């Protein structure tokens, strides 16, 4: 057996593993698309997407793991700040509820700013584009 053929045979299982990883991820994207679409229609339910995002991250191909980590950590940070303050996703910084401390308002503002940062928005756009390009379907409709 030639060295080239031996090298090709050694790489084939790795290629098959990548294909199956991609297939599992794309199947999950398609399976969760309706749920993500429903939640996206109601901004008050934004944190309801966290379990789905985490599931997608757990099945994501290695080339997009960093983007998933960035998006999810920013969303979790805002979720934590909102929960700690005892408010929900409908929190309005211009009309905060009574009893909210300045520190709580600041923590929410910082977390919201991070979630809306160019870096996180770019990562999310990359995940959306990946779903379209590789899976042939958007994350939500």
N, C-alpha and C. Protein backbone atom coordinates (compact mmCIF):
# COMPACT_ATOMS: atom_id res chain seq x y z
N UNK A 1 0.85 -1.17 0.00
CA UNK A 1 0.00 0.00 0.00
C UNK A 1 0.90 1.24 0.00
N UNK A 2 0.55 2.18 -0.82
CA UNK A 2 1.35 3.41 -0.89
C UNK A 2 1.07 4.28 0.32
N UNK A 3 2.00 5.17 0.56
CA UNK A 3 1.84 6.08 1.70
C UNK A 3 0.62 6.97 1.52
N UNK A 4 0.38 7.44 0.32
CA UNK A 4 -0.76 8.32 0.06
C UNK A 4 -2.07 7.61 0.35
N UNK A 5 -2.16 6.34 -0.08
CA UNK A 5 -3.38 5.58 0.16
C UNK A 5 -3.55 5.31 1.66
N UNK A 6 -2.46 4.99 2.33
CA UNK A 6 -2.52 4.75 3.77
C UNK A 6 -2.96 6.02 4.51
N UNK A 7 -2.45 7.18 4.08
CA UNK A 7 -2.84 8.44 4.71
C UNK A 7 -4.31 8.73 4.47
N UNK A 8 -4.78 8.46 3.26
CA UNK A 8 -6.19 8.67 2.94
C UNK A 8 -7.08 7.77 3.79
N UNK A 9 -6.70 6.52 3.94
CA UNK A 9 -7.49 5.59 4.74
C UNK A 9 -7.50 5.99 6.22
N UNK A 10 -6.42 6.60 6.68
CA UNK A 10 -6.36 7.04 8.07
C UNK A 10 -7.26 8.25 8.31
N UNK A 11 -7.44 9.08 7.28
CA UNK A 11 -8.24 10.30 7.42
C UNK A 11 -9.73 10.03 7.24
N UNK A 12 -10.12 9.01 6.52
CA UNK A 12 -11.53 8.75 6.24
C UNK A 12 -12.41 8.67 7.48
N UNK A 13 -12.01 7.99 8.54
CA UNK A 13 -12.87 7.98 9.74
C UNK A 13 -13.08 9.38 10.33
N UNK A 14 -12.05 10.21 10.24
CA UNK A 14 -12.19 11.58 10.75
C UNK A 14 -13.19 12.37 9.90
N UNK A 15 -13.14 12.20 8.59
CA UNK A 15 -14.10 12.88 7.72
C UNK A 15 -15.51 12.39 7.99
N UNK A 16 -15.67 11.11 8.21
CA UNK A 16 -16.99 10.57 8.51
C UNK A 16 -17.52 11.12 9.83
N UNK A 17 -16.65 11.26 10.81
CA UNK A 17 -17.06 11.81 12.11
C UNK A 17 -17.50 13.26 11.95
N UNK A 18 -16.78 14.03 11.12
CA UNK A 18 -17.17 15.42 10.90
C UNK A 18 -18.53 15.50 10.20
N UNK A 19 -18.73 14.63 9.22
CA UNK A 19 -20.00 14.63 8.51
C UNK A 19 -21.15 14.29 9.45
N UNK A 20 -20.95 13.29 10.30
CA UNK A 20 -22.04 12.91 11.20
C UNK A 20 -22.27 14.00 12.26
N UNK A 21 -21.21 14.67 12.71
CA UNK A 21 -21.35 15.79 13.65
C UNK A 21 -22.19 16.89 13.00
N UNK A 22 -21.87 17.20 11.76
CA UNK A 22 -22.59 18.22 11.01
C UNK A 22 -24.05 17.81 10.80
N UNK A 23 -24.27 16.56 10.46
CA UNK A 23 -25.63 16.05 10.24
C UNK A 23 -26.46 16.13 11.51
N UNK A 24 -25.87 15.75 12.65
CA UNK A 24 -26.60 15.83 13.93
C UNK A 24 -26.96 17.26 14.26
N UNK A 25 -26.02 18.16 14.06
CA UNK A 25 -26.25 19.56 14.34
C UNK A 25 -27.36 20.12 13.45
N UNK A 26 -27.27 19.85 12.16
CA UNK A 26 -28.27 20.36 11.22
C UNK A 26 -29.66 19.78 11.52
N UNK A 27 -29.70 18.52 11.90
CA UNK A 27 -30.99 17.92 12.27
C UNK A 27 -31.57 18.62 13.50
N UNK A 28 -30.71 18.96 14.44
CA UNK A 28 -31.16 19.65 15.64
C UNK A 28 -31.63 21.08 15.31
N UNK A 29 -30.91 21.75 14.42
CA UNK A 29 -31.33 23.09 13.99
C UNK A 29 -32.74 23.01 13.41
N UNK A 30 -32.96 22.06 12.53
CA UNK A 30 -34.29 21.91 11.92
C UNK A 30 -35.34 21.54 12.97
N UNK A 31 -34.97 20.68 13.90
CA UNK A 31 -35.91 20.23 14.93
C UNK A 31 -36.31 21.36 15.87
N UNK A 32 -35.39 22.28 16.16
CA UNK A 32 -35.65 23.36 17.14
C UNK A 32 -36.09 24.66 16.49
N UNK A 33 -36.11 24.71 15.18
CA UNK A 33 -36.41 25.95 14.47
C UNK A 33 -37.79 26.52 14.83
N UNK A 34 -38.80 25.71 14.88
CA UNK A 34 -40.15 26.20 15.18
C UNK A 34 -40.21 26.82 16.58
N UNK A 35 -39.61 26.16 17.54
CA UNK A 35 -39.59 26.68 18.91
C UNK A 35 -38.84 28.02 18.98
N UNK A 36 -37.71 28.11 18.32
CA UNK A 36 -36.95 29.37 18.31
C UNK A 36 -37.73 30.48 17.63
N UNK A 37 -38.46 30.14 16.59
CA UNK A 37 -39.27 31.12 15.88
C UNK A 37 -40.38 31.65 16.79
N UNK A 38 -41.04 30.77 17.50
CA UNK A 38 -42.12 31.17 18.41
C UNK A 38 -41.60 32.09 19.51
N UNK A 39 -40.48 31.74 20.10
CA UNK A 39 -39.92 32.53 21.19
C UNK A 39 -39.41 33.87 20.67
N UNK A 40 -38.83 33.87 19.47
CA UNK A 40 -38.32 35.12 18.89
C UNK A 40 -39.43 36.14 18.65
N UNK A 41 -40.64 35.67 18.48
CA UNK A 41 -41.77 36.57 18.24
C UNK A 41 -42.21 37.31 19.50
N UNK A 42 -41.72 36.90 20.66
CA UNK A 42 -42.12 37.50 21.93
C UNK A 42 -40.86 37.82 22.73
N UNK A 43 -40.43 39.08 22.69
CA UNK A 43 -39.18 39.45 23.36
C UNK A 43 -39.19 39.17 24.86
N UNK A 44 -40.35 39.05 25.45
CA UNK A 44 -40.46 38.73 26.87
C UNK A 44 -40.06 37.30 27.18
N UNK A 45 -39.93 36.49 26.13
CA UNK A 45 -39.55 35.08 26.32
C UNK A 45 -38.11 34.80 25.90
N UNK A 46 -37.31 35.82 25.72
CA UNK A 46 -35.95 35.65 25.20
C UNK A 46 -35.14 34.63 26.01
N UNK A 47 -35.33 34.59 27.31
CA UNK A 47 -34.55 33.67 28.13
C UNK A 47 -35.05 32.23 28.00
N UNK A 48 -36.25 32.05 27.47
CA UNK A 48 -36.76 30.70 27.22
C UNK A 48 -35.93 29.97 26.17
N UNK A 49 -35.16 30.72 25.39
CA UNK A 49 -34.33 30.09 24.36
C UNK A 49 -33.05 29.48 24.92
N UNK A 50 -32.68 29.84 26.12
CA UNK A 50 -31.40 29.36 26.66
C UNK A 50 -31.24 27.84 26.60
N UNK A 51 -32.22 27.04 27.01
CA UNK A 51 -32.03 25.58 26.91
C UNK A 51 -31.80 25.11 25.47
N UNK A 52 -32.48 25.74 24.53
CA UNK A 52 -32.30 25.36 23.12
C UNK A 52 -30.92 25.77 22.63
N UNK A 53 -30.52 27.01 22.97
CA UNK A 53 -29.18 27.47 22.58
C UNK A 53 -28.10 26.54 23.15
N UNK A 54 -28.27 26.15 24.41
CA UNK A 54 -27.28 25.25 25.03
C UNK A 54 -27.25 23.90 24.33
N UNK A 55 -28.41 23.41 23.95
CA UNK A 55 -28.48 22.13 23.24
C UNK A 55 -27.80 22.24 21.88
N UNK A 56 -28.05 23.33 21.17
CA UNK A 56 -27.40 23.53 19.88
C UNK A 56 -25.88 23.63 20.06
N UNK A 57 -25.44 24.36 21.09
CA UNK A 57 -24.01 24.46 21.35
C UNK A 57 -23.40 23.09 21.61
N UNK A 58 -24.12 22.25 22.34
CA UNK A 58 -23.55 20.93 22.66
C UNK A 58 -23.39 20.05 21.43
N UNK A 59 -24.15 20.31 20.38
CA UNK A 59 -24.05 19.53 19.15
C UNK A 59 -23.31 20.27 18.04
N UNK A 60 -22.92 21.50 18.29
CA UNK A 60 -22.32 22.32 17.25
C UNK A 60 -20.98 21.77 16.80
N UNK A 61 -20.71 21.90 15.51
CA UNK A 61 -19.38 21.54 15.01
C UNK A 61 -18.32 22.42 15.68
N UNK A 62 -17.14 21.90 15.81
CA UNK A 62 -16.08 22.61 16.53
C UNK A 62 -15.75 23.97 15.93
N UNK A 63 -15.99 24.16 14.64
CA UNK A 63 -15.63 25.44 14.03
C UNK A 63 -16.56 26.59 14.42
N UNK A 64 -17.68 26.30 15.09
CA UNK A 64 -18.56 27.39 15.54
C UNK A 64 -18.81 27.37 17.05
N UNK A 65 -18.07 26.55 17.77
CA UNK A 65 -18.23 26.48 19.23
C UNK A 65 -17.96 27.82 19.90
N UNK A 66 -16.93 28.52 19.46
CA UNK A 66 -16.58 29.80 20.09
C UNK A 66 -17.71 30.81 19.95
N UNK A 67 -18.35 30.83 18.78
CA UNK A 67 -19.46 31.75 18.57
C UNK A 67 -20.62 31.40 19.50
N UNK A 68 -20.92 30.11 19.60
CA UNK A 68 -22.00 29.69 20.51
C UNK A 68 -21.66 30.07 21.95
N UNK A 69 -20.43 29.83 22.36
CA UNK A 69 -20.02 30.17 23.73
C UNK A 69 -20.20 31.66 24.01
N UNK A 70 -19.81 32.49 23.06
CA UNK A 70 -19.90 33.93 23.23
C UNK A 70 -21.35 34.39 23.36
N UNK A 71 -22.19 33.92 22.46
CA UNK A 71 -23.61 34.31 22.47
C UNK A 71 -24.29 33.83 23.74
N UNK A 72 -24.08 32.58 24.09
CA UNK A 72 -24.74 32.02 25.26
C UNK A 72 -24.25 32.67 26.55
N UNK A 73 -22.96 32.91 26.66
CA UNK A 73 -22.46 33.53 27.90
C UNK A 73 -23.02 34.94 28.06
N UNK A 74 -23.16 35.69 26.97
CA UNK A 74 -23.73 37.03 27.05
C UNK A 74 -25.20 36.98 27.44
N UNK A 75 -25.94 36.04 26.87
CA UNK A 75 -27.35 35.89 27.22
C UNK A 75 -27.51 35.43 28.67
N UNK A 76 -26.65 34.52 29.11
CA UNK A 76 -26.71 34.05 30.50
C UNK A 76 -26.37 35.18 31.47
N UNK A 77 -25.43 36.03 31.09
CA UNK A 77 -25.06 37.16 31.96
C UNK A 77 -26.25 38.10 32.14
N UNK A 78 -26.95 38.41 31.05
CA UNK A 78 -28.12 39.28 31.16
C UNK A 78 -29.23 38.58 31.94
N UNK A 79 -29.43 37.31 31.68
CA UNK A 79 -30.45 36.55 32.42
C UNK A 79 -30.15 36.60 33.92
N UNK A 80 -28.91 36.39 34.28
CA UNK A 80 -28.53 36.43 35.69
C UNK A 80 -28.77 37.79 36.32
N UNK A 81 -28.41 38.86 35.61
CA UNK A 81 -28.60 40.22 36.13
C UNK A 81 -30.08 40.53 36.31
N UNK A 82 -30.88 40.12 35.36
CA UNK A 82 -32.33 40.36 35.42
C UNK A 82 -32.95 39.55 36.56
N UNK A 83 -32.56 38.28 36.66
CA UNK A 83 -33.08 37.43 37.74
C UNK A 83 -32.67 37.96 39.11
N UNK A 84 -31.39 38.33 39.24
CA UNK A 84 -30.91 38.85 40.52
C UNK A 84 -31.67 40.10 40.95
N UNK A 85 -32.10 40.89 39.97
CA UNK A 85 -32.84 42.11 40.26
C UNK A 85 -34.32 41.84 40.49
N UNK A 86 -34.76 40.62 40.20
CA UNK A 86 -36.16 40.28 40.41
C UNK A 86 -37.10 40.83 39.35
N UNK A 87 -36.56 41.09 38.16
CA UNK A 87 -37.39 41.56 37.05
C UNK A 87 -37.36 40.50 35.95
N UNK A 88 -38.07 40.75 34.85
CA UNK A 88 -38.07 39.78 33.77
C UNK A 88 -37.52 40.41 32.50
N UNK A 89 -37.64 39.70 31.39
CA UNK A 89 -37.07 40.16 30.13
C UNK A 89 -37.75 41.40 29.59
N UNK A 90 -38.89 41.75 30.12
CA UNK A 90 -39.58 42.95 29.67
C UNK A 90 -39.10 44.21 30.42
N UNK A 91 -38.05 44.07 31.19
CA UNK A 91 -37.49 45.18 31.95
C UNK A 91 -37.24 46.37 31.02
N UNK A 92 -37.67 47.55 31.46
CA UNK A 92 -37.48 48.77 30.70
C UNK A 92 -36.56 49.70 31.48
N UNK A 93 -35.37 49.92 30.96
CA UNK A 93 -34.38 50.75 31.66
C UNK A 93 -34.87 52.18 31.84
N UNK A 94 -35.73 52.64 30.95
CA UNK A 94 -36.26 54.00 31.05
C UNK A 94 -37.38 54.11 32.08
N UNK A 95 -37.93 52.98 32.48
CA UNK A 95 -39.02 52.97 33.46
C UNK A 95 -38.83 51.77 34.40
N UNK A 96 -37.74 51.79 35.20
CA UNK A 96 -37.47 50.64 36.07
C UNK A 96 -38.51 50.52 37.17
N UNK A 97 -38.76 49.31 37.61
CA UNK A 97 -39.74 49.13 38.69
C UNK A 97 -39.22 49.72 40.00
N UNK A 98 -40.14 50.09 40.87
CA UNK A 98 -39.72 50.64 42.17
C UNK A 98 -38.92 49.60 42.96
N UNK A 99 -37.99 50.09 43.72
CA UNK A 99 -37.22 49.22 44.59
C UNK A 99 -35.95 48.67 43.95
N UNK A 100 -35.77 48.90 42.68
CA UNK A 100 -34.56 48.43 42.01
C UNK A 100 -33.40 49.35 42.37
N UNK A 101 -32.33 48.79 42.84
CA UNK A 101 -31.19 49.62 43.24
C UNK A 101 -30.42 50.10 42.01
N UNK A 102 -29.62 51.11 42.22
CA UNK A 102 -28.77 51.61 41.13
C UNK A 102 -27.79 50.53 40.69
N UNK A 103 -27.29 49.78 41.63
CA UNK A 103 -26.36 48.70 41.30
C UNK A 103 -27.04 47.65 40.41
N UNK A 104 -28.27 47.28 40.74
CA UNK A 104 -29.00 46.32 39.92
C UNK A 104 -29.25 46.87 38.51
N UNK A 105 -29.63 48.14 38.44
CA UNK A 105 -29.84 48.76 37.12
C UNK A 105 -28.54 48.77 36.33
N UNK A 106 -27.44 49.07 37.00
CA UNK A 106 -26.13 49.09 36.32
C UNK A 106 -25.73 47.70 35.82
N UNK A 107 -25.96 46.69 36.64
CA UNK A 107 -25.62 45.32 36.23
C UNK A 107 -26.43 44.89 35.01
N UNK A 108 -27.70 45.24 35.00
CA UNK A 108 -28.54 44.92 33.85
C UNK A 108 -28.05 45.68 32.62
N UNK A 109 -27.73 46.95 32.79
CA UNK A 109 -27.27 47.77 31.67
C UNK A 109 -25.96 47.23 31.08
N UNK A 110 -25.04 46.85 31.93
CA UNK A 110 -23.76 46.32 31.47
C UNK A 110 -23.97 45.01 30.71
N UNK A 111 -24.80 44.13 31.26
CA UNK A 111 -25.07 42.84 30.62
C UNK A 111 -25.81 43.04 29.29
N UNK A 112 -26.75 43.97 29.26
CA UNK A 112 -27.48 44.24 28.01
C UNK A 112 -26.55 44.83 26.97
N UNK A 113 -25.65 45.69 27.40
CA UNK A 113 -24.67 46.27 26.48
C UNK A 113 -23.77 45.18 25.90
N UNK A 114 -23.34 44.26 26.73
CA UNK A 114 -22.49 43.17 26.24
C UNK A 114 -23.24 42.32 25.23
N UNK A 115 -24.50 41.99 25.53
CA UNK A 115 -25.29 41.17 24.61
C UNK A 115 -25.48 41.88 23.26
N UNK A 116 -25.60 43.18 23.30
CA UNK A 116 -25.78 43.94 22.07
C UNK A 116 -24.48 44.42 21.44
N UNK A 117 -23.36 43.99 21.99
CA UNK A 117 -22.07 44.44 21.47
C UNK A 117 -21.82 43.91 20.06
N UNK A 118 -20.97 44.60 19.35
CA UNK A 118 -20.65 44.20 17.97
C UNK A 118 -20.10 42.78 17.93
N UNK A 119 -19.30 42.44 18.90
CA UNK A 119 -18.70 41.10 18.95
C UNK A 119 -19.76 40.01 19.06
N UNK A 120 -20.73 40.18 19.95
CA UNK A 120 -21.78 39.18 20.15
C UNK A 120 -22.73 39.18 18.96
N UNK A 121 -23.09 40.34 18.48
CA UNK A 121 -23.98 40.43 17.32
C UNK A 121 -23.34 39.77 16.10
N UNK A 122 -22.05 39.98 15.91
CA UNK A 122 -21.33 39.36 14.80
C UNK A 122 -21.29 37.84 14.96
N UNK A 123 -21.09 37.38 16.18
CA UNK A 123 -21.08 35.93 16.43
C UNK A 123 -22.44 35.32 16.12
N UNK A 124 -23.51 36.00 16.53
CA UNK A 124 -24.85 35.49 16.26
C UNK A 124 -25.13 35.48 14.76
N UNK A 125 -24.71 36.52 14.08
CA UNK A 125 -24.88 36.58 12.62
C UNK A 125 -24.12 35.44 11.95
N UNK A 126 -22.95 35.13 12.48
CA UNK A 126 -22.17 34.00 11.95
C UNK A 126 -22.87 32.68 12.16
N UNK A 127 -23.50 32.51 13.31
CA UNK A 127 -24.25 31.27 13.58
C UNK A 127 -25.45 31.16 12.64
N UNK A 128 -26.13 32.27 12.43
CA UNK A 128 -27.26 32.28 11.50
C UNK A 128 -26.79 31.93 10.09
N UNK A 129 -25.69 32.55 9.67
CA UNK A 129 -25.18 32.31 8.32
C UNK A 129 -24.72 30.86 8.17
N UNK A 130 -24.10 30.33 9.20
CA UNK A 130 -23.66 28.93 9.18
C UNK A 130 -24.86 28.00 8.99
N UNK A 131 -25.92 28.26 9.74
CA UNK A 131 -27.13 27.43 9.62
C UNK A 131 -27.68 27.49 8.20
N UNK A 132 -27.66 28.67 7.61
CA UNK A 132 -28.15 28.81 6.23
C UNK A 132 -27.23 28.10 5.23
N UNK A 133 -25.93 28.36 5.36
CA UNK A 133 -24.97 27.83 4.39
C UNK A 133 -24.78 26.32 4.50
N UNK A 134 -24.65 25.84 5.71
CA UNK A 134 -24.31 24.43 5.92
C UNK A 134 -25.54 23.56 6.07
N UNK A 135 -26.53 24.05 6.80
CA UNK A 135 -27.73 23.24 7.05
C UNK A 135 -28.85 23.55 6.05
N UNK A 136 -28.73 24.65 5.35
CA UNK A 136 -29.76 25.01 4.37
C UNK A 136 -31.03 25.54 4.99
N UNK A 137 -30.94 26.00 6.23
CA UNK A 137 -32.13 26.51 6.93
C UNK A 137 -31.68 27.53 7.98
N UNK A 138 -32.50 28.55 8.25
CA UNK A 138 -32.14 29.50 9.32
C UNK A 138 -32.43 28.89 10.70
N UNK A 139 -31.83 29.50 11.72
CA UNK A 139 -32.09 29.04 13.09
C UNK A 139 -33.55 29.30 13.46
N UNK A 140 -34.10 30.41 12.99
CA UNK A 140 -35.52 30.70 13.20
C UNK A 140 -36.04 31.39 11.95
N UNK A 141 -37.35 31.40 11.81
CA UNK A 141 -37.93 32.00 10.60
C UNK A 141 -38.54 33.33 10.90
